[in-house]
Amino acid sequence: MKKTSHTFHFPLSLGEGSGVRLYFQQALYHLRENPVISWISVLGTALSICMIMVIVITLRVRIADCEPEVNRSRSLYVPNMSYRAKGDTSGSSANSSMSVQTGRECFKTLTTAEAVTLASNPGKVRVSLPAGAKMTADMVQTDEAFWQVFRFRFLDGKPFTAADLSSGLPRAVIAASVARRLFGRTDVSGQHIELNHVDFQVCGVVADVSMLATDAYAQVWIPYTAGDAEANSWGYNLMGPMRAVILARSRADFPAIREECERLRQKYNDAQEGVEVFYRGQPDTQFTHLYRSWSQEPDVQGVVLRYVAVMLILLIVPAINLSSMTLSRMRKRMAEIGVRKAFGATANELMRQVFLENLLLTCLAGLLGLLLSYAATFVLNGFLFGNSTNAYLSGETSLTAGELLSPWIFLAAFGFCLLMNLLSAGIPAWRASRMNIVEAINGKA
């Protein structure tokens, strides 16, 4: 009869010491003893966590509160609207952003909101000094409430005021990169620049804004009364270049704000001859705003379900494969567990060792997965965040530490992987710890 032999490593039962440190020594020994299976398990778990974190980061940077869009969670958005002939039931309509007149009548007069700002979409402008440097930048025409809805970090000066807006004074807030490009420094309040050959005075300089802050982004901001926004209208003066962002005092005010928006819309339409505006379900929350495409109302529930389905697939499929590998590895250790029982190890000690071994492997995989997700986010920045909306803009899709960190999602993914690994390793270990010593030594699990 052919004899079989086993090599065991169980310091806890042979008096080499005690404590958690030895459990980890045991775990490191088995990591070196079965390097292929162990590292495949670690890399599989790490990649699973990495893919989930990349998805979460790309979603988080678009919907979570972050500078300067620190009020996303209590903001409502109206980026575009439609108009049609009164009484038209054919579904025919024209779709565009709103005129200054429409924005003032339908949104600026809201009483249930904390603040309302009208702003144009970013447009190209030639920025130059009277006799010096010049560049092309992205410019937004807006109002004084813009600086209340969004929180910019001013490096010098201050924003333009309501008085500047009402007087149509040529004031400009510029980004730090524009100031450095033109003047070589950022303390330039009071200096003059030319925007498309029109003289403007710089009233403030702000830190550069990432293009991921889609509603606050620009490189130059001016009062819309100092630009062409008011004159640039069409469709019976209903349509124009502006969009509205409504800041609520709290999310609980959203229903009241929507009701007042509808009342103001009806009042505005009563004054129109033969045409009427409508909002297609707007104002939107940040998440809905993110997935709205012009006149098409987004299927928010469908979007959420797709995200949930993708994350579950990324968790469950690798977890099943990794659990199978972990189960196979544990079956090979049945003889070791039997010998340890023979030397007096209790069931609790055996289970505690299995837990700590898998905790070590999962922690290693989790740390690796987190680092891989950050690396992938930076390497694939253009692929993840580039789109047709910002393709023509001059800024960058830079990320802050706050946008990268999502501790609760990471802990959820980490905990799920740990649970699957514990079940796949813990069940056979639990069975072996309660088996007859001879059967356990012979590996009959």
Protein backbone atom coordinates (compact mmCIF):
# COMPACT_ATOMS: atom_id res chain seq x y z
CA MET A 1 0.00 0.00 0.00
CA LYS A 2 1.25 3.42 -0.94
CA LYS A 3 1.80 5.67 2.04
CA THR A 4 0.93 9.31 2.09
CA SER A 5 2.72 11.96 4.07
CA HIS A 6 1.70 15.40 5.23
CA THR A 7 3.73 18.46 6.15
CA PHE A 8 2.19 20.45 8.93
CA HIS A 9 2.85 23.89 10.35
CA PHE A 10 0.90 24.56 13.50
CA PRO A 11 2.89 26.58 16.03
CA LEU A 12 -0.10 27.28 18.26
CA SER A 13 -0.36 23.66 19.28
CA LEU A 14 3.37 23.07 19.86
CA GLY A 15 4.10 25.79 22.34
CA GLU A 16 5.91 28.19 20.03
CA GLY A 17 3.99 31.08 21.52
CA SER A 18 0.49 32.45 21.65
CA GLY A 19 -1.54 35.40 20.48
CA VAL A 20 -2.78 36.92 17.30
CA ARG A 21 0.76 37.40 15.97
CA LEU A 22 1.20 33.65 15.56
CA TYR A 23 -2.10 33.37 13.70
CA PHE A 24 -0.79 35.84 11.19
CA GLN A 25 2.50 33.96 10.97
CA GLN A 26 0.50 30.86 10.13
CA ALA A 27 -1.46 32.79 7.48
CA LEU A 28 1.76 34.09 5.89
CA TYR A 29 3.19 30.57 5.88
CA HIS A 30 0.19 29.22 3.95
CA LEU A 31 0.37 32.20 1.59
CA ARG A 32 3.94 31.18 0.72
CA GLU A 33 3.13 27.48 0.71
CA ASN A 34 0.36 27.83 -1.93
CA PRO A 35 1.47 30.96 -3.81
CA VAL A 36 -0.44 30.36 -7.05
CA ILE A 37 -3.85 29.74 -5.47
CA SER A 38 -3.31 32.39 -2.80
CA TRP A 39 -2.30 35.14 -5.22
CA ILE A 40 -5.03 34.28 -7.69
CA SER A 41 -7.48 34.61 -4.82
CA VAL A 42 -5.95 37.94 -3.75
CA LEU A 43 -5.86 39.36 -7.29
CA GLY A 44 -9.40 38.16 -8.05
CA THR A 45 -10.76 39.87 -4.95
CA ALA A 46 -8.67 42.99 -5.66
CA LEU A 47 -9.95 43.28 -9.25
CA SER A 48 -13.54 42.84 -8.09
CA ILE A 49 -13.15 45.65 -5.55
CA CYS A 50 -11.27 47.76 -8.11
CA MET A 51 -14.04 47.56 -10.73
CA ILE A 52 -16.73 48.41 -8.19
CA MET A 53 -14.74 51.36 -6.85
CA VAL A 54 -14.14 52.74 -10.36
CA ILE A 55 -17.89 52.66 -11.03
CA VAL A 56 -18.61 54.33 -7.69
CA ILE A 57 -15.94 57.01 -8.21
CA THR A 58 -17.24 57.90 -11.69
CA LEU A 59 -20.77 58.21 -10.31
CA ARG A 60 -19.73 59.96 -7.11
CA VAL A 61 -17.86 62.78 -8.86
CA ARG A 62 -21.05 63.61 -10.77
CA ILE A 63 -23.63 63.50 -7.97
CA ALA A 64 -21.92 63.97 -4.59
CA ASP A 65 -21.49 67.40 -2.99
CA CYS A 66 -18.01 68.68 -3.82
CA GLU A 67 -16.41 72.08 -4.30
CA PRO A 68 -17.66 74.29 -5.86
CA GLU A 69 -20.93 72.36 -6.28
CA VAL A 70 -21.27 71.84 -2.55
CA ASN A 71 -25.07 72.11 -2.65
CA ARG A 72 -25.88 69.40 -5.21
CA SER A 73 -27.95 67.45 -2.69
CA ARG A 74 -30.37 70.36 -2.22
CA SER A 75 -30.35 71.79 -5.73
CA LEU A 76 -32.84 71.46 -8.59
CA TYR A 77 -31.93 71.96 -12.23
CA VAL A 78 -33.69 73.20 -15.36
CA PRO A 79 -31.12 72.96 -18.18
CA ASN A 80 -33.64 73.11 -21.03
CA MET A 81 -37.35 73.32 -21.79
CA SER A 82 -39.84 73.16 -24.65
CA TYR A 83 -42.51 75.34 -26.21
CA ARG A 84 -45.49 74.55 -28.44
CA ALA A 85 -48.62 76.13 -29.81
CA LYS A 86 -51.35 76.44 -27.21
CA GLY A 87 -53.78 73.55 -27.40
CA ASP A 88 -51.43 71.48 -29.61
CA THR A 89 -51.88 67.79 -28.75
CA SER A 90 -49.80 66.39 -31.65
CA GLY A 91 -46.63 66.21 -29.57
CA SER A 92 -44.84 68.70 -31.81
CA SER A 93 -42.58 71.10 -29.90
CA ALA A 94 -39.30 73.03 -30.02
CA ASN A 95 -36.67 72.20 -27.40
CA SER A 96 -33.87 74.44 -26.17
CA SER A 97 -32.50 76.28 -23.18
CA MET A 98 -34.42 79.31 -21.90
CA SER A 99 -34.20 83.03 -22.55
CA VAL A 100 -33.31 85.51 -19.83
CA GLN A 101 -36.93 86.67 -19.87
CA THR A 102 -38.27 83.15 -19.29
CA GLY A 103 -35.73 82.53 -16.53
CA ARG A 104 -36.67 85.72 -14.74
CA GLU A 105 -40.42 85.19 -14.93
CA CYS A 106 -40.53 81.46 -14.23
CA PHE A 107 -37.69 80.93 -11.75
CA LYS A 108 -36.05 84.09 -10.41
CA THR A 109 -39.33 85.06 -8.71
CA LEU A 110 -39.53 81.82 -6.69
CA THR A 111 -40.29 82.49 -3.03
CA THR A 112 -39.94 78.91 -1.74
CA ALA A 113 -36.26 78.66 -2.75
CA GLU A 114 -33.20 80.00 -0.94
CA ALA A 115 -31.61 81.21 -4.17
CA VAL A 116 -31.98 80.89 -7.95
CA THR A 117 -29.28 81.52 -10.51
CA LEU A 118 -29.47 81.85 -14.28
CA ALA A 119 -26.35 80.91 -16.21
CA SER A 120 -25.44 80.31 -19.81
CA ASN A 121 -23.64 77.21 -21.02
CA PRO A 122 -19.87 77.75 -21.39
CA GLY A 123 -18.90 79.43 -24.65
CA LYS A 124 -15.55 80.23 -26.18
CA VAL A 125 -14.13 83.71 -25.67
CA ARG A 126 -10.85 85.32 -26.66
CA VAL A 127 -9.13 86.67 -23.54
CA SER A 128 -6.25 89.09 -23.96
CA LEU A 129 -4.39 91.98 -22.45
CA PRO A 130 -4.49 95.33 -24.28
CA ALA A 131 -0.90 94.78 -25.40
CA GLY A 132 0.24 91.39 -24.27
CA ALA A 133 -0.69 87.75 -23.74
CA LYS A 134 -3.82 86.21 -25.18
CA MET A 135 -5.67 82.90 -24.95
CA THR A 136 -8.98 81.20 -25.59
CA ALA A 137 -11.09 80.38 -22.54
CA ASP A 138 -14.53 79.05 -21.59
CA MET A 139 -16.89 81.81 -20.44
CA VAL A 140 -20.25 81.73 -18.62
CA GLN A 141 -22.68 84.65 -18.37
CA THR A 142 -24.57 84.59 -15.08
CA ASP A 143 -25.89 86.63 -12.14
CA GLU A 144 -24.91 87.46 -8.57
CA ALA A 145 -26.82 84.47 -7.13
CA PHE A 146 -24.39 82.14 -8.92
CA TRP A 147 -21.86 82.78 -6.15
CA GLN A 148 -24.42 81.81 -3.52
CA VAL A 149 -25.60 78.60 -5.20
CA PHE A 150 -22.00 77.52 -5.84
CA ARG A 151 -19.13 77.99 -3.38
CA PHE A 152 -15.92 79.02 -5.10
CA ARG A 153 -12.58 79.46 -3.40
CA PHE A 154 -11.52 83.05 -4.07
CA LEU A 155 -7.77 83.53 -4.22
CA ASP A 156 -8.11 87.27 -4.75
CA GLY A 157 -10.90 89.83 -4.89
CA LYS A 158 -14.60 88.99 -4.77
CA PRO A 159 -17.53 88.16 -7.08
CA PHE A 160 -19.51 90.75 -8.99
CA THR A 161 -22.61 92.03 -7.19
CA ALA A 162 -26.30 92.59 -7.88
CA ALA A 163 -25.49 96.27 -8.43
CA ASP A 164 -22.92 95.30 -11.07
CA LEU A 165 -25.54 93.11 -12.75
CA SER A 166 -28.29 95.71 -12.75
CA SER A 167 -25.91 98.36 -14.07
CA GLY A 168 -24.44 96.07 -16.72
CA LEU A 169 -20.93 96.89 -15.53
CA PRO A 170 -18.16 94.98 -17.36
CA ARG A 171 -16.84 92.94 -14.44
CA ALA A 172 -15.19 89.51 -14.69
CA VAL A 173 -14.19 86.72 -12.35
CA ILE A 174 -11.38 84.62 -13.81
CA ALA A 175 -9.84 81.26 -12.93
CA ALA A 176 -6.34 81.07 -11.49
CA SER A 177 -4.94 79.41 -14.63
CA VAL A 178 -6.20 82.33 -16.76
CA ALA A 179 -4.67 84.87 -14.38
CA ARG A 180 -1.31 83.09 -14.41
CA ARG A 181 -1.35 82.76 -18.19
CA LEU A 182 -2.05 86.46 -18.72
CA PHE A 183 -0.36 88.14 -15.74
CA GLY A 184 1.96 85.51 -14.29
CA ARG A 185 0.24 85.76 -10.89
CA THR A 186 -3.21 85.52 -9.25
CA ASP A 187 -3.45 88.81 -7.28
CA VAL A 188 -4.85 90.74 -10.24
CA SER A 189 -8.11 92.25 -8.93
CA GLY A 190 -8.62 95.67 -10.49
CA GLN A 191 -6.62 94.80 -13.61
CA HIS A 192 -8.22 95.00 -17.04
CA ILE A 193 -8.60 92.28 -19.68
CA GLU A 194 -10.30 92.17 -23.05
CA LEU A 195 -13.01 89.62 -23.79
CA ASN A 196 -13.53 89.46 -27.54
CA HIS A 197 -11.88 92.90 -27.68
CA VAL A 198 -14.28 94.42 -25.10
CA ASP A 199 -12.70 95.86 -21.96
CA PHE A 200 -13.58 94.18 -18.62
CA GLN A 201 -12.25 94.77 -15.13
CA VAL A 202 -11.21 91.72 -13.10
CA CYS A 203 -13.06 91.74 -9.78
CA GLY A 204 -11.98 88.32 -8.50
CA VAL A 205 -9.80 85.27 -9.08
CA VAL A 206 -10.96 81.76 -8.11
CA ALA A 207 -9.26 78.38 -7.93
CA ASP A 208 -9.54 76.39 -11.14
CA VAL A 209 -12.76 74.40 -11.50
CA SER A 210 -12.83 70.84 -12.84
CA MET A 211 -15.02 70.18 -15.87
CA LEU A 212 -16.63 67.46 -13.72
CA ALA A 213 -18.42 70.31 -11.92
CA THR A 214 -20.56 70.65 -15.03
CA ASP A 215 -22.94 73.35 -13.76
CA ALA A 216 -20.33 75.58 -12.11
CA TYR A 217 -17.47 75.12 -14.57
CA ALA A 218 -15.98 77.96 -16.57
CA GLN A 219 -12.71 79.86 -16.77
CA VAL A 220 -14.28 83.31 -17.01
CA TRP A 221 -17.59 84.48 -15.48
CA ILE A 222 -19.29 87.79 -16.31
CA PRO A 223 -22.70 89.39 -15.55
CA TYR A 224 -25.12 88.41 -18.31
CA THR A 225 -26.12 92.07 -18.62
CA ALA A 226 -22.56 92.82 -19.72
CA GLY A 227 -22.69 90.15 -22.43
CA ASP A 228 -25.08 89.17 -25.19
CA ALA A 229 -27.31 86.76 -23.25
CA GLU A 230 -30.32 89.07 -23.06
CA ALA A 231 -30.26 89.90 -26.77
CA ASN A 232 -29.65 86.28 -27.76
CA SER A 233 -33.20 84.86 -27.78
CA TRP A 234 -35.55 83.15 -30.22
CA GLY A 235 -38.88 81.33 -30.33
CA TYR A 236 -41.10 84.30 -29.35
CA ASN A 237 -38.37 85.34 -26.89
CA LEU A 238 -39.04 82.14 -24.92
CA MET A 239 -35.82 80.34 -25.79
CA GLY A 240 -32.26 81.50 -25.27
CA PRO A 241 -28.86 80.54 -23.86
CA MET A 242 -29.74 80.28 -20.15
CA ARG A 243 -30.32 77.47 -17.66
CA ALA A 244 -31.60 77.68 -14.10
CA VAL A 245 -30.25 76.18 -10.88
CA ILE A 246 -32.54 76.39 -7.85
CA LEU A 247 -31.08 76.11 -4.35
CA ALA A 248 -33.57 74.81 -1.77
CA ARG A 249 -33.24 75.39 1.94
CA SER A 250 -33.62 71.64 2.34
CA ARG A 251 -34.64 68.65 0.22
CA ALA A 252 -37.99 68.69 2.01
CA ASP A 253 -38.80 71.89 0.07
CA PHE A 254 -38.51 70.19 -3.35
CA PRO A 255 -42.27 69.46 -3.72
CA ALA A 256 -43.22 73.04 -2.78
CA ILE A 257 -40.64 74.46 -5.21
CA ARG A 258 -41.95 72.29 -8.04
CA GLU A 259 -45.52 73.38 -7.30
CA GLU A 260 -44.53 77.04 -7.35
CA CYS A 261 -42.58 76.51 -10.59
CA GLU A 262 -45.75 75.12 -12.16
CA ARG A 263 -47.84 78.09 -10.95
CA LEU A 264 -45.30 80.54 -12.35
CA ARG A 265 -45.24 78.63 -15.65
CA GLN A 266 -49.00 78.86 -15.99
CA LYS A 267 -48.94 82.59 -15.15
CA TYR A 268 -46.17 83.13 -17.72
CA ASN A 269 -48.07 81.19 -20.38
CA ASP A 270 -51.24 83.21 -19.74
CA ALA A 271 -49.35 86.28 -20.93
CA GLN A 272 -48.17 84.60 -24.16
CA GLU A 273 -50.07 84.79 -27.42
CA GLY A 274 -50.54 81.43 -29.06
CA VAL A 275 -47.58 79.59 -27.49
CA GLU A 276 -46.70 78.06 -24.14
CA VAL A 277 -43.62 76.67 -22.41
CA PHE A 278 -43.45 73.38 -20.53
CA TYR A 279 -40.67 71.67 -18.57
CA ARG A 280 -40.98 67.90 -19.30
CA GLY A 281 -40.86 66.89 -15.64
CA GLN A 282 -38.25 69.43 -14.54
CA PRO A 283 -36.87 70.80 -12.20
CA ASP A 284 -34.60 67.75 -11.77
CA THR A 285 -32.59 66.49 -8.85
CA GLN A 286 -28.85 66.08 -9.47
CA PHE A 287 -29.13 62.38 -10.35
CA THR A 288 -31.98 62.90 -12.81
CA HIS A 289 -30.24 65.98 -14.22
CA LEU A 290 -27.18 63.85 -14.91
CA TYR A 291 -29.12 61.42 -17.12
CA ARG A 292 -31.52 63.79 -18.84
CA SER A 293 -30.91 64.24 -22.55
CA TRP A 294 -32.68 67.30 -23.95
CA SER A 295 -36.37 66.53 -24.41
CA GLN A 296 -36.12 62.90 -23.29
CA GLU A 297 -37.16 62.24 -19.71
CA PRO A 298 -34.71 59.77 -18.12
CA ASP A 299 -35.75 56.38 -16.76
CA VAL A 300 -34.22 56.95 -13.33
CA GLN A 301 -35.44 53.64 -11.91
CA GLY A 302 -33.96 51.79 -14.87
CA VAL A 303 -30.60 53.55 -14.41
CA VAL A 304 -30.50 52.62 -10.72
CA LEU A 305 -31.39 49.00 -11.46
CA ARG A 306 -28.61 48.79 -14.07
CA TYR A 307 -26.06 50.09 -11.56
CA VAL A 308 -27.24 47.60 -8.94
CA ALA A 309 -27.16 44.71 -11.44
CA VAL A 310 -23.62 45.55 -12.60
CA MET A 311 -22.32 45.79 -9.04
CA LEU A 312 -23.94 42.51 -8.03
CA ILE A 313 -22.41 40.76 -11.05
CA LEU A 314 -18.99 42.23 -10.25
CA LEU A 315 -19.31 40.96 -6.69
CA ILE A 316 -21.04 37.61 -7.03
CA VAL A 317 -19.32 36.06 -10.08
CA PRO A 318 -15.74 36.58 -8.81
CA ALA A 319 -16.84 35.67 -5.28
CA ILE A 320 -18.17 32.29 -6.42
CA ASN A 321 -14.95 31.48 -8.27
CA LEU A 322 -12.78 32.64 -5.40
CA SER A 323 -14.90 30.73 -2.89
CA SER A 324 -14.37 27.54 -4.89
CA MET A 325 -10.61 28.06 -4.78
CA THR A 326 -10.70 28.80 -1.06
CA LEU A 327 -12.81 25.70 -0.42
CA SER A 328 -10.32 23.57 -2.34
CA ARG A 329 -7.45 25.02 -0.34
CA MET A 330 -9.21 24.29 2.95
CA ARG A 331 -9.95 20.68 2.00
CA LYS A 332 -6.24 20.12 1.51
CA ARG A 333 -5.70 21.26 5.08
CA MET A 334 -8.09 18.80 6.71
CA ALA A 335 -5.19 16.62 7.84
CA GLU A 336 -3.49 19.60 9.49
CA ILE A 337 -6.69 20.47 11.33
CA GLY A 338 -6.98 16.87 12.53
CA VAL A 339 -3.42 16.88 13.87
CA ARG A 340 -4.03 20.17 15.63
CA LYS A 341 -7.12 18.68 17.27
CA ALA A 342 -5.00 15.74 18.41
CA PHE A 343 -2.61 18.16 20.08
CA GLY A 344 -5.43 19.84 21.96
CA ALA A 345 -6.57 22.71 19.73
CA THR A 346 -10.19 23.64 20.39
CA ALA A 347 -12.85 24.29 17.77
CA ASN A 348 -12.82 28.00 18.65
CA GLU A 349 -9.06 28.22 18.14
CA LEU A 350 -9.34 26.55 14.75
CA MET A 351 -12.15 28.83 13.63
CA ARG A 352 -10.32 31.91 14.91
CA GLN A 353 -7.26 30.98 12.87
CA VAL A 354 -9.34 30.48 9.72
CA PHE A 355 -10.97 33.88 10.26
CA LEU A 356 -7.66 35.70 10.74
CA GLU A 357 -6.04 33.96 7.77
CA ASN A 358 -8.89 35.04 5.49
CA LEU A 359 -8.95 38.50 7.05
CA LEU A 360 -5.27 38.90 6.17
CA LEU A 361 -5.81 37.78 2.57
CA THR A 362 -8.90 39.95 2.13
CA CYS A 363 -7.18 42.99 3.68
CA LEU A 364 -4.28 42.54 1.29
CA ALA A 365 -6.72 42.19 -1.62
CA GLY A 366 -8.77 45.17 -0.45
CA LEU A 367 -5.74 47.46 -0.19
CA LEU A 368 -4.52 46.32 -3.61
CA GLY A 369 -8.00 46.80 -5.11
CA LEU A 370 -8.26 50.31 -3.67
CA LEU A 371 -4.86 51.29 -5.10
CA LEU A 372 -5.76 49.75 -8.48
CA SER A 373 -9.04 51.71 -8.57
CA TYR A 374 -7.22 55.00 -7.98
CA ALA A 375 -4.60 54.13 -10.59
CA ALA A 376 -7.29 53.10 -13.11
CA THR A 377 -9.26 56.30 -12.46
CA PHE A 378 -6.23 58.49 -13.21
CA VAL A 379 -4.95 56.44 -16.16
CA LEU A 380 -8.42 56.18 -17.74
CA ASN A 381 -9.47 59.71 -16.80
CA GLY A 382 -10.23 60.78 -20.34
CA PHE A 383 -12.13 57.59 -21.13
CA LEU A 384 -14.21 57.66 -17.93
CA PHE A 385 -15.05 61.36 -17.83
CA GLY A 386 -14.73 62.58 -21.39
CA ASN A 387 -18.01 63.07 -23.27
CA SER A 388 -19.60 65.12 -26.00
CA THR A 389 -20.59 67.79 -23.47
CA ASN A 390 -17.06 68.69 -22.38
CA ALA A 391 -15.17 67.64 -25.52
CA TYR A 392 -14.90 71.22 -26.79
CA LEU A 393 -14.04 72.78 -23.41
CA SER A 394 -10.53 73.86 -22.42
CA GLY A 395 -10.49 72.72 -18.78
CA GLU A 396 -9.43 69.50 -17.10
CA THR A 397 -11.37 66.63 -15.50
CA SER A 398 -9.27 66.79 -12.35
CA LEU A 399 -10.29 64.87 -9.23
CA THR A 400 -10.04 65.85 -5.57
CA ALA A 401 -9.33 63.50 -2.68
CA GLY A 402 -12.91 63.93 -1.47
CA GLU A 403 -14.23 62.72 -4.81
CA LEU A 404 -12.00 59.64 -4.78
CA LEU A 405 -12.76 58.53 -1.24
CA SER A 406 -15.94 56.54 -0.77
CA PRO A 407 -15.33 54.63 2.48
CA TRP A 408 -18.80 53.14 2.87
CA ILE A 409 -18.87 51.60 -0.60
CA PHE A 410 -15.34 50.26 -0.15
CA LEU A 411 -16.22 48.74 3.21
CA ALA A 412 -19.38 47.16 1.73
CA ALA A 413 -17.45 45.54 -1.13
CA PHE A 414 -14.65 44.51 1.24
CA GLY A 415 -17.13 43.03 3.72
CA PHE A 416 -18.92 41.04 1.02
CA CYS A 417 -15.65 39.53 -0.26
CA LEU A 418 -14.60 38.73 3.30
CA LEU A 419 -17.94 37.06 4.01
CA MET A 420 -17.72 34.87 0.90
CA ASN A 421 -14.15 33.86 1.72
CA LEU A 422 -15.08 33.11 5.32
CA LEU A 423 -18.01 30.94 4.32
CA SER A 424 -15.97 28.99 1.77
CA ALA A 425 -13.15 28.42 4.26
CA GLY A 426 -15.10 28.43 7.50
CA ILE A 427 -17.69 25.75 6.64
CA PRO A 428 -15.17 22.95 5.94
CA ALA A 429 -13.05 24.12 8.91
CA TRP A 430 -16.12 24.03 11.16
CA ARG A 431 -17.00 20.52 9.94
CA ALA A 432 -13.43 19.30 10.42
CA SER A 433 -13.24 20.78 13.93
CA ARG A 434 -16.20 18.58 14.90
CA MET A 435 -15.10 15.44 13.09
CA ASN A 436 -13.40 12.39 14.51
CA ILE A 437 -9.67 13.09 14.73
CA VAL A 438 -8.73 10.08 12.59
CA GLU A 439 -11.18 11.07 9.82
CA ALA A 440 -9.93 14.64 9.87
CA ILE A 441 -6.29 13.49 9.61
CA ASN A 442 -7.21 11.31 6.63
CA GLY A 443 -8.88 14.34 4.99
CA LYS A 444 -12.40 12.86 4.89
CA ALA A 445 -14.35 16.10 5.01
